[in-house]
N, C-alpha and C. Protein backbone atom coordinates (compact mmCIF):
# COMPACT_ATOMS: atom_id res chain seq x y z
N MET A 1 4.25 4.09 31.04
CA MET A 1 4.20 2.51 30.93
C MET A 1 4.60 1.99 32.08
N ARG A 2 3.38 1.24 32.61
CA ARG A 2 3.67 0.51 34.12
C ARG A 2 3.64 -0.87 33.77
N ARG A 3 3.46 -1.64 32.64
CA ARG A 3 3.44 -3.10 32.74
C ARG A 3 4.82 -3.79 33.00
N ARG A 4 5.20 -4.14 33.50
CA ARG A 4 6.41 -4.73 33.87
C ARG A 4 7.07 -5.31 33.02
N THR A 5 8.79 -5.51 32.92
CA THR A 5 9.18 -5.57 31.66
C THR A 5 9.68 -7.01 32.10
N THR A 6 9.15 -7.86 32.80
CA THR A 6 9.31 -9.05 32.78
C THR A 6 8.26 -9.52 32.08
N ASP A 7 6.83 -9.12 31.77
CA ASP A 7 5.75 -9.47 31.63
C ASP A 7 5.83 -9.10 29.63
N ALA A 8 6.36 -7.68 29.88
CA ALA A 8 6.16 -7.01 28.44
C ALA A 8 7.32 -7.69 27.43
N GLU A 9 8.27 -8.44 28.14
CA GLU A 9 9.45 -8.72 26.93
C GLU A 9 8.99 -10.14 26.42
N PRO A 10 8.29 -11.34 26.87
CA PRO A 10 7.78 -12.30 25.88
C PRO A 10 6.60 -11.79 25.26
N ALA A 11 5.76 -11.18 25.73
CA ALA A 11 4.64 -10.64 24.85
C ALA A 11 4.80 -9.47 22.80
N PHE A 12 5.97 -8.96 23.86
CA PHE A 12 6.71 -8.46 22.54
C PHE A 12 7.26 -9.10 21.67
N ARG A 13 8.12 -10.28 22.01
CA ARG A 13 8.87 -11.53 21.21
C ARG A 13 7.64 -12.01 20.19
N GLU A 14 6.61 -12.45 21.30
CA GLU A 14 5.26 -13.22 20.62
C GLU A 14 4.93 -12.03 19.31
N LEU A 15 4.56 -11.03 19.66
CA LEU A 15 3.88 -10.20 18.98
C LEU A 15 4.82 -10.07 17.38
N PHE A 16 6.08 -9.89 17.77
CA PHE A 16 7.25 -9.63 16.73
C PHE A 16 7.09 -10.66 16.00
N GLU A 17 7.41 -12.15 16.67
CA GLU A 17 7.26 -13.28 15.87
C GLU A 17 5.96 -13.63 14.84
N ALA A 18 4.73 -13.39 15.54
CA ALA A 18 3.92 -13.30 14.40
C ALA A 18 3.43 -12.62 13.33
N ALA A 19 3.74 -11.01 14.10
CA ALA A 19 3.86 -10.21 12.59
C ALA A 19 4.79 -9.76 11.97
N TYR A 20 5.93 -9.89 11.88
CA TYR A 20 7.16 -9.51 11.71
C TYR A 20 6.84 -9.29 9.90
N ASP A 21 6.75 -10.78 9.18
CA ASP A 21 7.03 -11.07 8.08
C ASP A 21 5.66 -10.26 7.38
N ASP A 22 4.23 -10.34 8.00
CA ASP A 22 3.26 -9.70 7.44
C ASP A 22 3.68 -7.98 7.52
N LEU A 23 3.54 -7.71 8.71
CA LEU A 23 4.33 -5.96 8.07
C LEU A 23 4.88 -5.99 7.34
N LEU A 24 6.48 -6.27 7.33
CA LEU A 24 7.21 -6.36 6.39
C LEU A 24 6.62 -6.50 4.77
N CYS A 25 6.02 -7.22 4.51
CA CYS A 25 5.27 -7.19 3.27
C CYS A 25 4.57 -6.37 2.93
N PHE A 26 3.49 -5.63 4.12
CA PHE A 26 2.41 -4.65 3.78
C PHE A 26 3.56 -3.27 3.79
N VAL A 27 4.61 -3.29 4.41
CA VAL A 27 5.35 -1.61 3.98
C VAL A 27 6.17 -1.92 2.68
N GLU A 28 6.70 -3.18 2.52
CA GLU A 28 7.31 -3.45 1.32
C GLU A 28 6.34 -2.86 -0.09
N ARG A 29 5.27 -2.91 0.12
CA ARG A 29 4.09 -2.89 -0.88
C ARG A 29 3.91 -1.06 -0.90
N ARG A 30 4.42 -0.79 -0.18
CA ARG A 30 4.16 0.77 -0.06
C ARG A 30 5.38 1.89 -0.28
N THR A 31 6.49 1.32 -0.19
CA THR A 31 7.67 1.89 -0.19
C THR A 31 8.70 0.90 -0.52
N PRO A 32 9.84 1.89 -1.04
CA PRO A 32 11.27 1.18 -1.72
C PRO A 32 11.80 0.13 -0.80
N LEU A 33 12.27 -0.78 -1.29
CA LEU A 33 12.78 -2.04 -0.62
C LEU A 33 13.54 -1.67 0.58
N ALA A 34 14.57 -0.72 -0.16
CA ALA A 34 15.59 -0.17 0.86
C ALA A 34 14.93 0.47 2.07
N GLY A 35 13.99 0.95 2.13
CA GLY A 35 13.32 1.77 3.38
C GLY A 35 12.70 0.65 4.56
N ALA A 36 12.16 -0.08 3.63
CA ALA A 36 11.05 -0.93 4.15
C ALA A 36 11.42 -1.26 5.65
N ASP A 37 12.55 -1.93 5.71
CA ASP A 37 13.03 -2.39 6.84
C ASP A 37 12.81 -1.23 8.06
N ASP A 38 13.37 -0.40 7.89
CA ASP A 38 13.48 1.24 8.53
C ASP A 38 12.08 1.57 9.42
N VAL A 39 11.13 1.06 7.95
CA VAL A 39 9.46 1.66 8.65
C VAL A 39 9.28 0.40 9.58
N VAL A 40 9.43 -0.64 9.58
CA VAL A 40 9.09 -1.99 10.36
C VAL A 40 9.99 -1.58 11.38
N ALA A 41 10.82 -1.48 11.39
CA ALA A 41 11.36 -1.19 13.14
C ALA A 41 10.84 -0.22 13.42
N GLU A 42 10.95 0.98 12.79
CA GLU A 42 10.12 1.81 13.76
C GLU A 42 8.83 1.37 14.40
N ALA A 43 8.20 1.11 13.51
CA ALA A 43 6.48 0.62 14.04
C ALA A 43 6.85 -0.55 14.75
N PHE A 44 7.73 -1.23 14.99
CA PHE A 44 8.35 -2.25 16.36
C PHE A 44 8.76 -1.32 17.82
N LEU A 45 9.63 -0.24 17.38
CA LEU A 45 10.22 0.71 18.30
C LEU A 45 9.01 1.21 18.89
N THR A 46 8.02 1.84 18.03
CA THR A 46 6.87 2.30 18.74
C THR A 46 6.07 1.67 19.52
N ALA A 47 5.67 -0.05 19.01
CA ALA A 47 4.90 -0.58 19.72
C ALA A 47 5.68 -1.02 21.05
N TRP A 48 6.93 -1.17 21.03
CA TRP A 48 7.85 -1.62 22.26
C TRP A 48 7.46 0.12 23.15
N ARG A 49 7.65 0.92 23.05
CA ARG A 49 7.64 2.08 23.79
C ARG A 49 6.29 2.54 24.33
N ARG A 50 5.51 2.11 23.38
CA ARG A 50 3.65 2.26 23.77
C ARG A 50 3.09 0.64 24.17
N PHE A 51 3.81 0.05 24.65
CA PHE A 51 3.20 -1.62 24.79
C PHE A 51 1.99 -1.80 25.66
N ASP A 52 1.73 -0.58 26.60
CA ASP A 52 0.40 -0.61 27.16
C ASP A 52 -0.71 -0.40 26.21
N ASP A 53 -0.25 0.56 25.12
CA ASP A 53 -1.34 0.65 24.15
C ASP A 53 -1.78 -0.51 23.27
N VAL A 54 -0.99 -0.96 22.91
CA VAL A 54 -1.08 -2.52 21.86
C VAL A 54 -2.08 -3.20 22.34
N PRO A 55 -3.04 -3.71 21.89
CA PRO A 55 -4.21 -4.28 22.22
C PRO A 55 -3.52 -6.07 22.53
N ASP A 56 -4.28 -6.35 23.34
CA ASP A 56 -3.77 -7.99 24.24
C ASP A 56 -4.36 -9.04 22.67
N SER A 57 -5.29 -9.09 22.15
CA SER A 57 -5.68 -9.98 21.38
C SER A 57 -4.26 -9.75 19.99
N LEU A 58 -4.08 -11.41 19.74
CA LEU A 58 -2.93 -11.07 18.43
C LEU A 58 -3.39 -10.61 17.32
N ASP A 59 -4.58 -10.61 16.91
CA ASP A 59 -5.23 -10.02 15.86
C ASP A 59 -5.17 -8.96 15.77
N GLU A 60 -5.87 -8.25 16.82
CA GLU A 60 -5.75 -6.87 16.87
C GLU A 60 -4.33 -5.78 17.24
N ALA A 61 -3.60 -6.68 17.88
CA ALA A 61 -2.24 -6.16 17.97
C ALA A 61 -1.44 -5.88 16.65
N ARG A 62 -1.99 -6.79 15.70
CA ARG A 62 -1.67 -6.92 14.30
C ARG A 62 -2.10 -5.84 13.38
N ALA A 63 -2.87 -5.74 13.85
CA ALA A 63 -3.92 -4.58 13.00
C ALA A 63 -3.48 -3.23 13.51
N TRP A 64 -3.07 -3.13 14.85
CA TRP A 64 -2.62 -1.98 15.40
C TRP A 64 -1.31 -1.86 14.71
N LEU A 65 0.02 -2.37 14.87
CA LEU A 65 1.00 -2.45 13.84
C LEU A 65 0.81 -1.77 12.60
N PHE A 66 0.04 -2.28 11.90
CA PHE A 66 -0.06 -2.02 10.59
C PHE A 66 -0.78 -0.57 10.54
N THR A 67 -1.43 -0.16 11.15
CA THR A 67 -1.99 1.49 11.42
C THR A 67 -0.85 2.44 11.94
N VAL A 68 0.24 1.81 12.77
CA VAL A 68 1.41 2.45 13.23
C VAL A 68 2.38 2.49 12.13
N ALA A 69 2.77 1.73 11.08
CA ALA A 69 3.26 1.58 9.70
C ALA A 69 2.46 2.45 8.93
N HIS A 70 0.95 2.18 8.90
CA HIS A 70 0.54 3.24 7.32
C HIS A 70 1.02 4.67 7.89
N ASN A 71 0.94 5.09 9.18
CA ASN A 71 1.01 6.35 9.68
C ASN A 71 2.53 6.88 9.55
N ILE A 72 3.91 5.75 9.64
CA ILE A 72 4.97 6.06 9.48
C ILE A 72 4.97 6.79 7.98
N LEU A 73 4.36 5.87 7.53
CA LEU A 73 4.44 6.17 5.45
C LEU A 73 3.85 7.13 5.17
N ARG A 74 2.98 7.44 5.90
CA ARG A 74 1.92 8.98 5.78
C ARG A 74 3.66 9.99 5.82
N ASN A 75 3.87 9.52 6.68
CA ASN A 75 4.69 10.98 7.38
C ASN A 75 6.14 10.96 6.30
N ARG A 76 6.30 10.07 5.74
CA ARG A 76 7.55 10.02 4.96
C ARG A 76 6.98 10.02 3.40
N GLN A 77 5.68 10.34 3.15
CA GLN A 77 5.13 10.63 1.59
C GLN A 77 5.75 11.78 1.15
N ARG A 78 5.69 13.00 2.04
CA ARG A 78 6.15 14.20 1.43
C ARG A 78 7.53 14.10 0.71
N SER A 79 8.88 13.43 1.65
CA SER A 79 9.76 13.41 0.92
C SER A 79 9.86 12.29 -0.10
N ASP A 80 9.05 11.37 -0.35
CA ASP A 80 9.22 10.50 -1.43
C ASP A 80 8.37 11.51 -2.83
N ARG A 81 7.59 12.25 -2.82
CA ARG A 81 6.84 13.18 -3.54
C ARG A 81 7.98 13.95 -4.15
N ARG A 82 8.87 14.57 -3.20
CA ARG A 82 9.66 15.67 -3.44
C ARG A 82 10.83 14.70 -4.67
N GLN A 83 11.37 13.45 -4.16
CA GLN A 83 12.02 12.62 -5.04
C GLN A 83 11.74 12.45 -6.15
N HIS A 84 10.47 12.20 -5.82
CA HIS A 84 10.05 11.70 -7.70
C HIS A 84 9.89 12.62 -8.34
N SER A 85 9.85 14.16 -7.70
CA SER A 85 9.45 15.25 -8.73
C SER A 85 10.60 15.62 -9.36
N LEU A 86 12.03 15.48 -8.36
CA LEU A 86 12.77 15.46 -9.11
C LEU A 86 13.31 14.75 -10.06
N ALA A 87 13.02 13.46 -9.96
CA ALA A 87 13.23 12.35 -10.84
C ALA A 87 12.71 12.78 -12.33
N LEU A 88 11.43 13.14 -12.43
CA LEU A 88 10.79 13.86 -13.42
C LEU A 88 11.72 14.61 -14.22
N ARG A 89 12.20 15.76 -13.18
CA ARG A 89 12.79 16.83 -13.90
C ARG A 89 13.86 16.40 -14.28
N ILE A 90 14.97 15.67 -13.94
CA ILE A 90 16.01 15.03 -14.51
C ILE A 90 15.43 14.36 -16.06
N LEU A 91 14.48 13.74 -16.08
CA LEU A 91 14.10 13.13 -17.13
C LEU A 91 13.85 13.92 -18.35
N ARG A 92 13.46 14.86 -17.90
CA ARG A 92 13.10 16.32 -19.19
C ARG A 92 14.38 16.66 -19.47
N GLU A 93 15.47 16.74 -19.06
CA GLU A 93 16.72 17.04 -19.54
C GLU A 93 17.39 16.44 -20.45
N PRO A 94 17.71 17.39 -21.35
CA PRO A 94 18.41 16.66 -22.95
C PRO A 94 19.32 15.95 -22.18
N GLY A 95 19.51 14.70 -22.90
CA GLY A 95 20.71 14.14 -22.77
C GLY A 95 20.29 13.09 -21.82
N GLY A 96 19.27 12.47 -21.73
CA GLY A 96 18.63 11.71 -20.71
C GLY A 96 19.02 10.61 -20.63
N SER A 97 18.71 9.46 -20.23
CA SER A 97 18.71 8.11 -20.30
C SER A 97 18.33 7.43 -21.43
N GLY A 98 18.72 5.96 -22.08
CA GLY A 98 18.47 5.82 -23.05
C GLY A 98 16.70 5.37 -23.46
N ALA A 99 16.39 4.96 -24.45
CA ALA A 99 15.05 5.25 -24.88
C ALA A 99 14.44 3.83 -24.01
N LEU A 100 15.12 2.63 -23.71
CA LEU A 100 14.61 1.40 -23.24
C LEU A 100 14.32 1.90 -21.61
N GLU A 101 15.36 2.64 -20.76
CA GLU A 101 14.80 3.45 -20.18
C GLU A 101 13.84 4.01 -20.06
N ALA A 102 13.67 5.13 -20.59
CA ALA A 102 12.91 5.90 -21.06
C ALA A 102 11.35 5.40 -21.16
N ASP A 103 11.23 4.55 -21.82
CA ASP A 103 10.09 3.70 -21.41
C ASP A 103 9.68 3.29 -20.46
N SER A 104 10.15 2.67 -19.89
CA SER A 104 10.23 2.33 -18.40
C SER A 104 9.61 2.99 -17.43
N VAL A 105 10.58 4.14 -17.78
CA VAL A 105 10.18 5.40 -16.56
C VAL A 105 8.82 5.84 -17.05
N ALA A 106 8.74 6.28 -18.47
CA ALA A 106 7.42 6.76 -18.48
C ALA A 106 6.33 5.79 -18.34
N THR A 107 6.20 4.41 -18.36
CA THR A 107 5.53 3.32 -17.99
C THR A 107 4.71 3.47 -16.37
N ARG A 108 5.95 3.41 -15.68
CA ARG A 108 6.21 3.76 -14.25
C ARG A 108 5.46 4.97 -13.95
N VAL A 109 6.15 6.46 -14.35
CA VAL A 109 5.30 7.50 -14.26
C VAL A 109 3.67 7.56 -14.56
N ASP A 110 3.02 6.85 -15.62
CA ASP A 110 1.54 6.85 -15.57
C ASP A 110 1.05 5.95 -14.74
N LEU A 111 1.53 4.91 -14.19
CA LEU A 111 1.09 4.26 -12.98
C LEU A 111 1.09 5.01 -11.90
N THR A 112 2.26 5.77 -11.91
CA THR A 112 2.08 6.84 -10.32
C THR A 112 1.55 7.49 -10.61
N ARG A 113 0.85 8.28 -12.03
CA ARG A 113 0.25 9.32 -11.94
C ARG A 113 -1.30 9.23 -11.69
N ALA A 114 -1.49 7.77 -12.78
CA ALA A 114 -2.95 7.23 -12.07
C ALA A 114 -3.08 6.89 -10.90
N TRP A 115 -2.13 6.50 -10.10
CA TRP A 115 -2.37 5.60 -8.41
C TRP A 115 -2.80 7.16 -7.78
N GLN A 116 -1.92 8.19 -8.10
CA GLN A 116 -2.04 9.54 -7.48
C GLN A 116 -3.63 10.11 -7.51
N ARG A 117 -4.08 9.86 -8.50
CA ARG A 117 -5.28 10.61 -8.58
C ARG A 117 -6.34 9.98 -8.25
N LEU A 118 -6.20 8.81 -7.51
CA LEU A 118 -6.89 8.11 -6.54
C LEU A 118 -6.87 8.85 -5.04
N ALA A 119 -8.05 8.87 -4.44
CA ALA A 119 -8.08 9.24 -3.38
C ALA A 119 -7.55 8.53 -2.07
N PRO A 120 -7.26 8.87 -1.06
CA PRO A 120 -6.50 7.95 -0.45
C PRO A 120 -7.56 6.72 -0.17
N ALA A 121 -8.65 6.85 0.08
CA ALA A 121 -9.38 5.68 0.83
C ALA A 121 -9.57 4.93 -0.39
N ASP A 122 -9.40 5.24 -1.80
CA ASP A 122 -9.64 4.15 -2.66
C ASP A 122 -8.06 3.66 -2.76
N GLN A 123 -6.54 4.34 -2.36
CA GLN A 123 -5.74 3.28 -2.69
C GLN A 123 -6.04 2.31 -1.58
N GLU A 124 -6.21 2.72 -0.12
CA GLU A 124 -5.87 2.03 1.36
C GLU A 124 -6.96 0.62 0.58
N ALA A 125 -8.10 0.71 0.29
CA ALA A 125 -9.10 -0.33 -0.42
C ALA A 125 -8.26 -0.99 -1.37
N LEU A 126 -7.72 -0.88 -2.23
CA LEU A 126 -7.10 -1.49 -3.36
C LEU A 126 -5.66 -2.51 -2.22
N THR A 127 -4.96 -1.74 -1.92
CA THR A 127 -3.87 -2.38 -1.46
C THR A 127 -4.25 -3.21 -0.27
N LEU A 128 -5.62 -3.05 0.73
CA LEU A 128 -5.35 -4.02 1.83
C LEU A 128 -5.85 -5.07 1.02
N THR A 129 -6.41 -5.45 -0.10
CA THR A 129 -7.15 -6.44 -0.36
C THR A 129 -6.66 -7.37 -1.80
N VAL A 130 -5.92 -6.25 -2.28
CA VAL A 130 -4.89 -6.81 -3.38
C VAL A 130 -3.64 -7.29 -3.09
N PHE A 131 -3.15 -6.33 -2.23
CA PHE A 131 -1.55 -6.83 -1.84
C PHE A 131 -1.25 -7.54 -0.44
N GLU A 132 -2.11 -6.80 0.63
CA GLU A 132 -2.12 -7.25 1.79
C GLU A 132 -3.31 -8.97 1.96
N GLY A 133 -3.88 -8.69 0.91
CA GLY A 133 -4.31 -10.00 0.96
C GLY A 133 -5.72 -10.22 2.28
N LEU A 134 -6.13 -9.26 2.61
CA LEU A 134 -6.87 -9.25 3.80
C LEU A 134 -8.26 -9.48 3.27
N SER A 135 -9.22 -10.00 4.13
CA SER A 135 -10.85 -9.85 3.67
C SER A 135 -11.21 -8.75 3.79
N GLY A 136 -12.22 -8.90 2.90
CA GLY A 136 -13.23 -7.20 2.92
C GLY A 136 -13.88 -7.29 4.56
N SER A 137 -14.04 -8.19 5.48
CA SER A 137 -14.20 -7.81 6.73
C SER A 137 -13.12 -7.22 7.44
N GLN A 138 -11.92 -8.15 7.23
CA GLN A 138 -10.74 -7.31 8.00
C GLN A 138 -10.46 -6.28 7.45
N ALA A 139 -10.23 -5.85 6.36
CA ALA A 139 -10.05 -4.40 6.30
C ALA A 139 -10.71 -3.16 6.02
N ALA A 140 -12.35 -3.90 6.34
CA ALA A 140 -13.28 -3.15 6.87
C ALA A 140 -13.04 -2.70 8.21
N ARG A 141 -12.80 -3.73 9.35
CA ARG A 141 -12.25 -3.31 10.16
C ARG A 141 -11.20 -2.60 10.62
N LEU A 142 -9.98 -2.83 9.81
CA LEU A 142 -8.96 -1.85 9.78
C LEU A 142 -9.12 -0.49 9.51
N LEU A 143 -10.34 0.02 8.66
CA LEU A 143 -10.47 1.39 8.23
C LEU A 143 -11.72 2.07 9.00
N GLY A 144 -12.20 1.18 10.07
CA GLY A 144 -13.16 1.43 10.82
C GLY A 144 -14.79 1.93 10.01
N ILE A 145 -14.59 1.10 8.94
CA ILE A 145 -16.22 0.63 8.50
C ILE A 145 -16.70 -0.49 7.96
N SER A 146 -18.08 -0.32 7.54
CA SER A 146 -18.80 -1.42 7.57
C SER A 146 -18.09 -2.21 6.55
N ARG A 147 -18.41 -3.51 6.40
CA ARG A 147 -18.00 -4.75 5.32
C ARG A 147 -19.04 -3.98 4.43
N PRO A 148 -20.21 -3.65 4.06
CA PRO A 148 -20.83 -3.40 3.10
C PRO A 148 -20.00 -1.82 2.17
N ALA A 149 -19.76 -1.04 2.99
CA ALA A 149 -19.31 0.09 2.86
C ALA A 149 -17.88 -0.01 1.91
N PHE A 150 -17.23 -1.26 2.47
CA PHE A 150 -16.08 -0.91 2.24
C PHE A 150 -15.92 -2.07 1.10
N SER A 151 -16.92 -3.00 0.51
CA SER A 151 -16.96 -3.74 -0.81
C SER A 151 -17.67 -2.25 -1.98
N LEU A 152 -18.60 -1.32 -1.42
CA LEU A 152 -18.70 -0.19 -2.39
C LEU A 152 -17.41 0.53 -2.51
N ARG A 153 -16.80 0.54 -1.90
CA ARG A 153 -15.36 1.58 -1.58
C ARG A 153 -14.55 0.95 -2.71
N LEU A 154 -14.12 -0.40 -2.39
CA LEU A 154 -13.13 -1.42 -3.49
C LEU A 154 -13.98 -0.87 -5.00
N LEU A 155 -15.11 -1.61 -4.95
CA LEU A 155 -15.41 -1.50 -6.30
C LEU A 155 -15.51 -0.28 -6.97
N ARG A 156 -15.54 0.94 -6.54
CA ARG A 156 -15.23 2.35 -7.25
C ARG A 156 -13.76 2.75 -7.20
N ALA A 157 -13.10 2.13 -5.92
CA ALA A 157 -11.67 2.41 -6.23
C ALA A 157 -11.08 1.57 -7.79
N ARG A 158 -11.45 0.11 -8.01
CA ARG A 158 -10.89 -0.18 -9.38
C ARG A 158 -11.66 0.37 -10.50
N ARG A 159 -12.43 0.89 -10.83
CA ARG A 159 -13.06 1.71 -11.77
C ARG A 159 -12.54 2.97 -11.81
N ARG A 160 -12.14 3.19 -10.74
CA ARG A 160 -11.59 5.27 -10.75
C ARG A 160 -10.11 4.85 -11.31
N LEU A 161 -9.38 3.67 -10.66
CA LEU A 161 -8.33 3.47 -11.35
C LEU A 161 -8.04 3.12 -12.69
N ARG A 162 -8.86 2.32 -13.19
CA ARG A 162 -9.07 1.97 -14.66
C ARG A 162 -9.30 3.30 -15.12
N HIS A 163 -10.42 4.22 -14.97
CA HIS A 163 -10.28 5.56 -15.78
C HIS A 163 -9.02 6.23 -16.15
N HIS A 164 -8.47 6.20 -14.78
CA HIS A 164 -7.09 6.98 -15.18
C HIS A 164 -5.91 6.71 -15.56
N LEU A 165 -6.01 5.08 -15.92
CA LEU A 165 -4.34 4.63 -16.62
C LEU A 165 -4.80 4.92 -18.11
N PRO A 166 -3.95 5.22 -18.57
CA PRO A 166 -3.90 5.21 -20.11
C PRO A 166 -3.75 3.69 -21.02
N PRO A 167 -4.57 3.76 -22.26
CA PRO A 167 -5.06 2.53 -22.74
C PRO A 167 -4.28 1.58 -22.45
N ARG A 168 -2.45 1.70 -22.87
CA ARG A 168 -1.77 0.39 -22.78
C ARG A 168 -1.42 0.23 -21.42
N LEU A 169 -1.69 0.67 -20.48
CA LEU A 169 -1.60 -0.01 -18.98
C LEU A 169 -2.54 -0.12 -18.65
N ASP A 170 -3.95 0.00 -18.97
CA ASP A 170 -5.37 -0.41 -18.37
C ASP A 170 -5.38 -1.87 -18.60
N PRO A 171 -5.60 -2.68 -17.35
CA PRO A 171 -5.48 -4.34 -16.94
C PRO A 171 -6.79 -4.70 -18.17
N GLU A 172 -7.86 -3.98 -18.01
CA GLU A 172 -8.89 -4.47 -18.74
C GLU A 172 -8.81 -4.08 -20.58
N PRO A 173 -9.58 -4.65 -21.44
CA PRO A 173 -9.48 -4.21 -22.92
C PRO A 173 -9.98 -3.21 -22.88
N THR A 174 -9.16 -2.19 -23.72
CA THR A 174 -10.36 -0.75 -24.03
C THR A 174 -11.43 -1.24 -24.76
N PRO A 175 -12.25 -0.34 -24.32
CA PRO A 175 -13.60 -0.07 -25.22
C PRO A 175 -13.72 0.40 -26.59
N ALA A 176 -12.87 -0.29 -27.76
CA ALA A 176 -12.64 0.14 -28.95
C ALA A 176 -13.95 -0.50 -29.78
N PRO A 177 -14.23 0.40 -30.73
CA PRO A 177 -15.24 0.31 -31.62
C PRO A 177 -14.81 -0.75 -32.30
N ALA A 178 -13.43 -1.25 -32.54
CA ALA A 178 -13.34 -2.74 -33.48
C ALA A 178 -13.32 -3.97 -32.62
N ARG A 179 -14.28 -4.03 -31.77
CA ARG A 179 -14.61 -5.23 -30.93
C ARG A 179 -14.91 -6.57 -31.81
N THR A 180 -14.34 -7.67 -31.39
CA THR A 180 -15.11 -8.52 -32.51
C THR A 180 -16.23 -9.45 -31.09
N ALA A 181 -16.69 -10.27 -31.90
CA ALA A 181 -17.82 -11.29 -31.16
C ALA A 181 -16.94 -12.23 -29.84
N PRO A 182 -17.50 -12.68 -29.08
CA PRO A 182 -16.46 -13.34 -27.88
C PRO A 182 -16.09 -14.62 -28.73
N GLN A 183 -14.68 -15.19 -28.46
CA GLN A 183 -14.00 -16.33 -28.90
C GLN A 183 -14.28 -17.31 -28.03
N GLY A 184 -14.58 -17.10 -26.94
CA GLY A 184 -14.52 -18.07 -25.60
C GLY A 184 -14.45 -17.42 -24.29
N ALA A 185 -14.65 -17.85 -23.29
CA ALA A 185 -14.91 -17.52 -22.15
C ALA A 185 -13.39 -16.71 -21.78
N ARG A 186 -13.16 -15.37 -21.04
CA ARG A 186 -11.85 -15.20 -20.88
C ARG A 186 -11.63 -14.86 -19.25
N ALA A 187 -10.30 -15.42 -19.16
CA ALA A 187 -10.03 -15.64 -17.77
C ALA A 187 -10.13 -14.58 -16.48
């Protein structure tokens, strides 16, 4: 780190103010809200420690921070999986929580299982566009692939998620033999 402190502080402050809200939203969609602030703080701490590695362009620096946060989250995934497995074992125990909570948990478990069946590349394609609001070009650049390759990945990721969801969670109507003639345009 050879950048002078007097030069780094204003630049870091500008980066922090410009990227904090977006980075927090990015992380909140991938981790429980209680841990999101810690991940964002760790990402900015990494940026401060490695400020010479942060790109000069604000857009590129923002993408760099997203990558740092993504890596922090990946490092925490193993712990989250253990906690999830423990919760499932507790739910299987007799005398567990009430029926309403069990239905809610079952729905979340089904969605989690469908999500976990997706390849990491499919998960990222969906979250970058749906939750983060990145354009196809921005998401492709973040992932280091071409725009057409990203579009194809996104299309396939959506299909795979639909395939893994049980019929009651599938956002699209299930292809049942009892389909009737269309009664109007669907939104």
